[in-house]
Amino acid sequence: MELFIEIIGWIGAVLIVGAYFLNINGKLQSGSPLYIISNLLGGVFFTFNTLMHQAYPSMIVNIIWVFIAIAALLKKKKT
């Protein structure tokens, strides 16, 4: 189980940092569904990882990150 927790955390890191890297290099727009979903999944994976490590401040930040991504997806859906 420990290995699974670490793999999920690393996948979350790659999703968030990778999306950010692509965004600042002009390869992925911040409003694109792929960018938002990458941040959403990355936040969920980080939330799970930080919960398992009892890193509660980081967990709260990641929960907020997830809610921001959900709000962005809902906003995109309306337009």
PDB file of N, CA and C in Angstrom:
ATOM      1  N   MET A   1       0.828  -1.203   0.000  1.00  0.00           N
ATOM      2  CA  MET A   1       0.000   0.000   0.000  1.00  0.00           C
ATOM      3  C   MET A   1       0.869   1.262   0.000  1.00  0.00           C
ATOM      4  N   GLU A   2       1.996   1.214   0.699  1.00  0.00           N
ATOM      5  CA  GLU A   2       2.862   2.397   0.744  1.00  0.00           C
ATOM      6  C   GLU A   2       3.355   2.787  -0.646  1.00  0.00           C
ATOM      7  N   LEU A   3       3.717   1.790  -1.437  1.00  0.00           N
ATOM      8  CA  LEU A   3       4.190   2.069  -2.790  1.00  0.00           C
ATOM      9  C   LEU A   3       3.078   2.710  -3.621  1.00  0.00           C
ATOM     10  N   PHE A   4       1.863   2.214  -3.491  1.00  0.00           N
ATOM     11  CA  PHE A   4       0.723   2.774  -4.201  1.00  0.00           C
ATOM     12  C   PHE A   4       0.518   4.244  -3.825  1.00  0.00           C
ATOM     13  N   ILE A   5       0.613   4.557  -2.544  1.00  0.00           N
ATOM     14  CA  ILE A   5       0.448   5.935  -2.062  1.00  0.00           C
ATOM     15  C   ILE A   5       1.507   6.846  -2.679  1.00  0.00           C
ATOM     16  N   GLU A   6       2.746   6.366  -2.737  1.00  0.00           N
ATOM     17  CA  GLU A   6       3.826   7.167  -3.308  1.00  0.00           C
ATOM     18  C   GLU A   6       3.653   7.336  -4.819  1.00  0.00           C
ATOM     19  N   ILE A   7       3.248   6.285  -5.505  1.00  0.00           N
ATOM     20  CA  ILE A   7       3.022   6.378  -6.952  1.00  0.00           C
ATOM     21  C   ILE A   7       1.926   7.386  -7.258  1.00  0.00           C
ATOM     22  N   ILE A   8       0.840   7.332  -6.496  1.00  0.00           N
ATOM     23  CA  ILE A   8      -0.254   8.300  -6.683  1.00  0.00           C
ATOM     24  C   ILE A   8       0.256   9.727  -6.465  1.00  0.00           C
ATOM     25  N   GLY A   9       1.063   9.924  -5.442  1.00  0.00           N
ATOM     26  CA  GLY A   9       1.626  11.253  -5.181  1.00  0.00           C
ATOM     27  C   GLY A   9       2.500  11.745  -6.323  1.00  0.00           C
ATOM     28  N   TRP A  10       3.334  10.872  -6.859  1.00  0.00           N
ATOM     29  CA  TRP A  10       4.201  11.256  -7.968  1.00  0.00           C
ATOM     30  C   TRP A  10       3.414  11.521  -9.240  1.00  0.00           C
ATOM     31  N   ILE A  11       2.389  10.746  -9.482  1.00  0.00           N
ATOM     32  CA  ILE A  11       1.536  11.003 -10.651  1.00  0.00           C
ATOM     33  C   ILE A  11       0.877  12.378 -10.510  1.00  0.00           C
ATOM     34  N   GLY A  12       0.397  12.688  -9.310  1.00  0.00           N
ATOM     35  CA  GLY A  12      -0.183  14.007  -9.053  1.00  0.00           C
ATOM     36  C   GLY A  12       0.807  15.117  -9.331  1.00  0.00           C
ATOM     37  N   ALA A  13       2.044  14.930  -8.890  1.00  0.00           N
ATOM     38  CA  ALA A  13       3.086  15.938  -9.112  1.00  0.00           C
ATOM     39  C   ALA A  13       3.340  16.139 -10.600  1.00  0.00           C
ATOM     40  N   VAL A  14       3.448  15.050 -11.343  1.00  0.00           N
ATOM     41  CA  VAL A  14       3.702  15.137 -12.780  1.00  0.00           C
ATOM     42  C   VAL A  14       2.539  15.830 -13.495  1.00  0.00           C
ATOM     43  N   LEU A  15       1.318  15.500 -13.102  1.00  0.00           N
ATOM     44  CA  LEU A  15       0.158  16.120 -13.739  1.00  0.00           C
ATOM     45  C   LEU A  15       0.138  17.630 -13.532  1.00  0.00           C
ATOM     46  N   ILE A  16       0.338  18.069 -12.295  1.00  0.00           N
ATOM     47  CA  ILE A  16       0.258  19.502 -11.997  1.00  0.00           C
ATOM     48  C   ILE A  16       1.448  20.261 -12.567  1.00  0.00           C
ATOM     49  N   VAL A  17       2.643  19.768 -12.304  1.00  0.00           N
ATOM     50  CA  VAL A  17       3.832  20.475 -12.785  1.00  0.00           C
ATOM     51  C   VAL A  17       3.932  20.382 -14.308  1.00  0.00           C
ATOM     52  N   GLY A  18       3.565  19.233 -14.859  1.00  0.00           N
ATOM     53  CA  GLY A  18       3.598  19.086 -16.316  1.00  0.00           C
ATOM     54  C   GLY A  18       2.638  20.036 -17.003  1.00  0.00           C
ATOM     55  N   ALA A  19       1.430  20.145 -16.474  1.00  0.00           N
ATOM     56  CA  ALA A  19       0.453  21.071 -17.055  1.00  0.00           C
ATOM     57  C   ALA A  19       0.944  22.511 -16.951  1.00  0.00           C
ATOM     58  N   TYR A  20       1.526  22.850 -15.821  1.00  0.00           N
ATOM     59  CA  TYR A  20       2.056  24.206 -15.634  1.00  0.00           C
ATOM     60  C   TYR A  20       3.198  24.481 -16.616  1.00  0.00           C
ATOM     61  N   PHE A  21       4.102  23.519 -16.756  1.00  0.00           N
ATOM     62  CA  PHE A  21       5.221  23.661 -17.687  1.00  0.00           C
ATOM     63  C   PHE A  21       4.716  23.878 -19.116  1.00  0.00           C
ATOM     64  N   LEU A  22       3.760  23.052 -19.533  1.00  0.00           N
ATOM     65  CA  LEU A  22       3.204  23.210 -20.876  1.00  0.00           C
ATOM     66  C   LEU A  22       2.505  24.551 -21.037  1.00  0.00           C
ATOM     67  N   ASN A  23       1.852  25.013 -19.970  1.00  0.00           N
ATOM     68  CA  ASN A  23       1.166  26.300 -20.022  1.00  0.00           C
ATOM     69  C   ASN A  23       2.142  27.455 -20.187  1.00  0.00           C
ATOM     70  N   ILE A  24       3.182  27.496 -19.375  1.00  0.00           N
ATOM     71  CA  ILE A  24       4.099  28.644 -19.459  1.00  0.00           C
ATOM     72  C   ILE A  24       4.939  28.623 -20.737  1.00  0.00           C
ATOM     73  N   ASN A  25       4.986  27.471 -21.391  1.00  0.00           N
ATOM     74  CA  ASN A  25       5.704  27.381 -22.659  1.00  0.00           C
ATOM     75  C   ASN A  25       4.775  27.493 -23.868  1.00  0.00           C
ATOM     76  N   GLY A  26       3.528  27.872 -23.614  1.00  0.00           N
ATOM     77  CA  GLY A  26       2.590  28.142 -24.696  1.00  0.00           C
ATOM     78  C   GLY A  26       2.036  26.910 -25.387  1.00  0.00           C
ATOM     79  N   LYS A  27       2.213  25.743 -24.805  1.00  0.00           N
ATOM     80  CA  LYS A  27       1.742  24.505 -25.428  1.00  0.00           C
ATOM     81  C   LYS A  27       0.349  24.097 -24.951  1.00  0.00           C
ATOM     82  N   LEU A  28      -0.100  24.670 -23.852  1.00  0.00           N
ATOM     83  CA  LEU A  28      -1.384  24.300 -23.259  1.00  0.00           C
ATOM     84  C   LEU A  28      -1.980  25.539 -22.610  1.00  0.00           C
ATOM     85  N   GLN A  29      -3.154  25.922 -23.047  1.00  0.00           N
ATOM     86  CA  GLN A  29      -3.819  27.109 -22.505  1.00  0.00           C
ATOM     87  C   GLN A  29      -4.418  26.804 -21.138  1.00  0.00           C
ATOM     88  N   SER A  30      -4.391  27.785 -20.244  1.00  0.00           N
ATOM     89  CA  SER A  30      -4.897  27.571 -18.883  1.00  0.00           C
ATOM     90  C   SER A  30      -6.402  27.326 -18.856  1.00  0.00           C
ATOM     91  N   GLY A  31      -7.096  27.715 -19.875  1.00  0.00           N
ATOM     92  CA  GLY A  31      -8.532  27.476 -19.927  1.00  0.00           C
ATOM     93  C   GLY A  31      -8.919  26.190 -20.630  1.00  0.00           C
ATOM     94  N   SER A  32      -7.943  25.459 -21.126  1.00  0.00           N
ATOM     95  CA  SER A  32      -8.258  24.236 -21.859  1.00  0.00           C
ATOM     96  C   SER A  32      -8.703  23.129 -20.902  1.00  0.00           C
ATOM     97  N   PRO A  33      -9.619  22.291 -21.346  1.00  0.00           N
ATOM     98  CA  PRO A  33     -10.068  21.181 -20.491  1.00  0.00           C
ATOM     99  C   PRO A  33      -8.929  20.270 -20.044  1.00  0.00           C
ATOM    100  N   LEU A  34      -7.948  20.030 -20.901  1.00  0.00           N
ATOM    101  CA  LEU A  34      -6.824  19.173 -20.523  1.00  0.00           C
ATOM    102  C   LEU A  34      -6.037  19.759 -19.358  1.00  0.00           C
ATOM    103  N   TYR A  35      -5.800  21.064 -19.394  1.00  0.00           N
ATOM    104  CA  TYR A  35      -5.079  21.745 -18.308  1.00  0.00           C
ATOM    105  C   TYR A  35      -5.871  21.636 -17.005  1.00  0.00           C
ATOM    106  N   ILE A  36      -7.154  21.910 -17.099  1.00  0.00           N
ATOM    107  CA  ILE A  36      -7.995  21.891 -15.901  1.00  0.00           C
ATOM    108  C   ILE A  36      -8.117  20.477 -15.336  1.00  0.00           C
ATOM    109  N   ILE A  37      -8.320  19.492 -16.194  1.00  0.00           N
ATOM    110  CA  ILE A  37      -8.446  18.109 -15.723  1.00  0.00           C
ATOM    111  C   ILE A  37      -7.124  17.612 -15.143  1.00  0.00           C
ATOM    112  N   SER A  38      -6.007  18.010 -15.740  1.00  0.00           N
ATOM    113  CA  SER A  38      -4.700  17.643 -15.179  1.00  0.00           C
ATOM    114  C   SER A  38      -4.552  18.184 -13.769  1.00  0.00           C
ATOM    115  N   ASN A  39      -4.965  19.424 -13.563  1.00  0.00           N
ATOM    116  CA  ASN A  39      -4.900  20.017 -12.232  1.00  0.00           C
ATOM    117  C   ASN A  39      -5.891  19.352 -11.271  1.00  0.00           C
ATOM    118  N   LEU A  40      -7.059  19.024 -11.774  1.00  0.00           N
ATOM    119  CA  LEU A  40      -8.060  18.355 -10.943  1.00  0.00           C
ATOM    120  C   LEU A  40      -7.556  16.990 -10.480  1.00  0.00           C
ATOM    121  N   LEU A  41      -7.114  16.158 -11.416  1.00  0.00           N
ATOM    122  CA  LEU A  41      -6.620  14.832 -11.045  1.00  0.00           C
ATOM    123  C   LEU A  41      -5.359  14.919 -10.192  1.00  0.00           C
ATOM    124  N   GLY A  42      -4.475  15.831 -10.551  1.00  0.00           N
ATOM    125  CA  GLY A  42      -3.265  16.018  -9.744  1.00  0.00           C
ATOM    126  C   GLY A  42      -3.601  16.411  -8.313  1.00  0.00           C
ATOM    127  N   GLY A  43      -4.569  17.296  -8.160  1.00  0.00           N
ATOM    128  CA  GLY A  43      -5.004  17.713  -6.821  1.00  0.00           C
ATOM    129  C   GLY A  43      -5.633  16.576  -6.033  1.00  0.00           C
ATOM    130  N   VAL A  44      -6.442  15.770  -6.707  1.00  0.00           N
ATOM    131  CA  VAL A  44      -7.061  14.613  -6.042  1.00  0.00           C
ATOM    132  C   VAL A  44      -5.978  13.626  -5.595  1.00  0.00           C
ATOM    133  N   PHE A  45      -5.028  13.352  -6.490  1.00  0.00           N
ATOM    134  CA  PHE A  45      -3.963  12.410  -6.142  1.00  0.00           C
ATOM    135  C   PHE A  45      -3.108  12.950  -5.003  1.00  0.00           C
ATOM    136  N   PHE A  46      -2.787  14.243  -5.049  1.00  0.00           N
ATOM    137  CA  PHE A  46      -2.025  14.856  -3.948  1.00  0.00           C
ATOM    138  C   PHE A  46      -2.817  14.817  -2.643  1.00  0.00           C
ATOM    139  N   THR A  47      -4.109  15.066  -2.729  1.00  0.00           N
ATOM    140  CA  THR A  47      -4.936  15.027  -1.521  1.00  0.00           C
ATOM    141  C   THR A  47      -4.871  13.650  -0.881  1.00  0.00           C
ATOM    142  N   PHE A  48      -5.004  12.608  -1.676  1.00  0.00           N
ATOM    143  CA  PHE A  48      -4.910  11.238  -1.160  1.00  0.00           C
ATOM    144  C   PHE A  48      -3.542  10.994  -0.532  1.00  0.00           C
ATOM    145  N   ASN A  49      -2.484  11.387  -1.238  1.00  0.00           N
ATOM    146  CA  ASN A  49      -1.122  11.173  -0.748  1.00  0.00           C
ATOM    147  C   ASN A  49      -0.879  11.914   0.567  1.00  0.00           C
ATOM    148  N   THR A  50      -1.277  13.178   0.626  1.00  0.00           N
ATOM    149  CA  THR A  50      -1.032  13.953   1.846  1.00  0.00           C
ATOM    150  C   THR A  50      -1.909  13.482   3.006  1.00  0.00           C
ATOM    151  N   LEU A  51      -3.095  13.007   2.715  1.00  0.00           N
ATOM    152  CA  LEU A  51      -3.946  12.432   3.760  1.00  0.00           C
ATOM    153  C   LEU A  51      -3.274  11.204   4.365  1.00  0.00           C
ATOM    154  N   MET A  52      -2.756  10.341   3.521  1.00  0.00           N
ATOM    155  CA  MET A  52      -2.108   9.127   3.998  1.00  0.00           C
ATOM    156  C   MET A  52      -0.849   9.428   4.805  1.00  0.00           C
ATOM    157  N   HIS A  53      -0.199  10.552   4.488  1.00  0.00           N
ATOM    158  CA  HIS A  53       1.004  10.970   5.224  1.00  0.00           C
ATOM    159  C   HIS A  53       0.675  11.906   6.386  1.00  0.00           C
ATOM    160  N   GLN A  54      -0.596  12.139   6.597  1.00  0.00           N
ATOM    161  CA  GLN A  54      -1.084  13.038   7.643  1.00  0.00           C
ATOM    162  C   GLN A  54      -0.449  14.431   7.548  1.00  0.00           C
ATOM    163  N   ALA A  55      -0.281  14.889   6.316  1.00  0.00           N
ATOM    164  CA  ALA A  55       0.242  16.225   6.047  1.00  0.00           C
ATOM    165  C   ALA A  55      -0.961  17.130   5.798  1.00  0.00           C
ATOM    166  N   TYR A  56      -1.651  17.470   6.869  1.00  0.00           N
ATOM    167  CA  TYR A  56      -2.951  18.132   6.751  1.00  0.00           C
ATOM    168  C   TYR A  56      -2.917  19.515   6.106  1.00  0.00           C
ATOM    169  N   PRO A  57      -1.920  20.365   6.384  1.00  0.00           N
ATOM    170  CA  PRO A  57      -1.912  21.652   5.667  1.00  0.00           C
ATOM    171  C   PRO A  57      -1.829  21.479   4.149  1.00  0.00           C
ATOM    172  N   SER A  58      -0.975  20.572   3.694  1.00  0.00           N
ATOM    173  CA  SER A  58      -0.881  20.305   2.258  1.00  0.00           C
ATOM    174  C   SER A  58      -2.170  19.699   1.730  1.00  0.00           C
ATOM    175  N   MET A  59      -2.805  18.871   2.531  1.00  0.00           N
ATOM    176  CA  MET A  59      -4.059  18.259   2.124  1.00  0.00           C
ATOM    177  C   MET A  59      -5.124  19.329   1.880  1.00  0.00           C
ATOM    178  N   ILE A  60      -5.204  20.303   2.771  1.00  0.00           N
ATOM    179  CA  ILE A  60      -6.193  21.380   2.630  1.00  0.00           C
ATOM    180  C   ILE A  60      -5.921  22.191   1.368  1.00  0.00           C
ATOM    181  N   VAL A  61      -4.649  22.501   1.102  1.00  0.00           N
ATOM    182  CA  VAL A  61      -4.296  23.239  -0.117  1.00  0.00           C
ATOM    183  C   VAL A  61      -4.744  22.460  -1.349  1.00  0.00           C
ATOM    184  N   ASN A  62      -4.544  21.161  -1.331  1.00  0.00           N
ATOM    185  CA  ASN A  62      -4.925  20.350  -2.482  1.00  0.00           C
ATOM    186  C   ASN A  62      -6.425  20.203  -2.627  1.00  0.00           C
ATOM    187  N   ILE A  63      -7.146  20.180  -1.538  1.00  0.00           N
ATOM    188  CA  ILE A  63      -8.609  20.167  -1.619  1.00  0.00           C
ATOM    189  C   ILE A  63      -9.095  21.467  -2.266  1.00  0.00           C
ATOM    190  N   ILE A  64      -8.512  22.583  -1.874  1.00  0.00           N
ATOM    191  CA  ILE A  64      -8.864  23.871  -2.482  1.00  0.00           C
ATOM    192  C   ILE A  64      -8.517  23.850  -3.966  1.00  0.00           C
ATOM    193  N   TRP A  65      -7.360  23.292  -4.304  1.00  0.00           N
ATOM    194  CA  TRP A  65      -6.917  23.160  -5.699  1.00  0.00           C
ATOM    195  C   TRP A  65      -7.963  22.398  -6.518  1.00  0.00           C
ATOM    196  N   VAL A  66      -8.490  21.330  -5.949  1.00  0.00           N
ATOM    197  CA  VAL A  66      -9.502  20.516  -6.619  1.00  0.00           C
ATOM    198  C   VAL A  66     -10.784  21.322  -6.824  1.00  0.00           C
ATOM    199  N   PHE A  67     -11.223  22.048  -5.800  1.00  0.00           N
ATOM    200  CA  PHE A  67     -12.439  22.850  -5.938  1.00  0.00           C
ATOM    201  C   PHE A  67     -12.282  23.935  -7.000  1.00  0.00           C
ATOM    202  N   ILE A  68     -11.099  24.534  -7.092  1.00  0.00           N
ATOM    203  CA  ILE A  68     -10.855  25.540  -8.127  1.00  0.00           C
ATOM    204  C   ILE A  68     -10.971  24.901  -9.506  1.00  0.00           C
ATOM    205  N   ALA A  69     -10.405  23.714  -9.671  1.00  0.00           N
ATOM    206  CA  ALA A  69     -10.478  23.023 -10.956  1.00  0.00           C
ATOM    207  C   ALA A  69     -11.917  22.642 -11.300  1.00  0.00           C
ATOM    208  N   ILE A  70     -12.666  22.169 -10.314  1.00  0.00           N
ATOM    209  CA  ILE A  70     -14.067  21.828 -10.550  1.00  0.00           C
ATOM    210  C   ILE A  70     -14.856  23.062 -10.970  1.00  0.00           C
ATOM    211  N   ALA A  71     -14.623  24.181 -10.279  1.00  0.00           N
ATOM    212  CA  ALA A  71     -15.316  25.430 -10.632  1.00  0.00           C
ATOM    213  C   ALA A  71     -14.971  25.851 -12.055  1.00  0.00           C
ATOM    214  N   ALA A  72     -13.714  25.686 -12.454  1.00  0.00           N
ATOM    215  CA  ALA A  72     -13.301  26.047 -13.819  1.00  0.00           C
ATOM    216  C   ALA A  72     -13.989  25.151 -14.849  1.00  0.00           C
ATOM    217  N   LEU A  73     -14.079  23.859 -14.545  1.00  0.00           N
ATOM    218  CA  LEU A  73     -14.762  22.946 -15.464  1.00  0.00           C
ATOM    219  C   LEU A  73     -16.245  23.289 -15.594  1.00  0.00           C
ATOM    220  N   LEU A  74     -16.875  23.611 -14.491  1.00  0.00           N
ATOM    221  CA  LEU A  74     -18.301  23.982 -14.519  1.00  0.00           C
ATOM    222  C   LEU A  74     -18.504  25.273 -15.304  1.00  0.00           C
ATOM    223  N   LYS A  75     -17.595  26.203 -15.137  1.00  0.00           N
ATOM    224  CA  LYS A  75     -17.668  27.467 -15.879  1.00  0.00           C
ATOM    225  C   LYS A  75     -17.520  27.209 -17.386  1.00  0.00           C
ATOM    226  N   LYS A  76     -16.583  26.310 -17.749  1.00  0.00           N
ATOM    227  CA  LYS A  76     -16.392  25.972 -19.167  1.00  0.00           C
ATOM    228  C   LYS A  76     -17.638  25.294 -19.739  1.00  0.00           C
ATOM    229  N   LYS A  77     -18.274  24.466 -18.928  1.00  0.00           N
ATOM    230  CA  LYS A  77     -19.456  23.736 -19.374  1.00  0.00           C
ATOM    231  C   LYS A  77     -20.605  24.688 -19.699  1.00  0.00           C
ATOM    232  N   LYS A  78     -20.714  25.785 -18.959  1.00  0.00           N
ATOM    233  CA  LYS A  78     -21.795  26.761 -19.169  1.00  0.00           C
ATOM    234  C   LYS A  78     -21.606  27.559 -20.454  1.00  0.00           C
ATOM    235  N   THR A  79     -20.342  27.695 -20.898  1.00  0.00           N
ATOM    236  CA  THR A  79     -20.109  28.515 -22.099  1.00  0.00           C
ATOM    237  C   THR A  79     -20.134  27.703 -23.353  1.00  0.00           C
TER     238      THR A  79
END
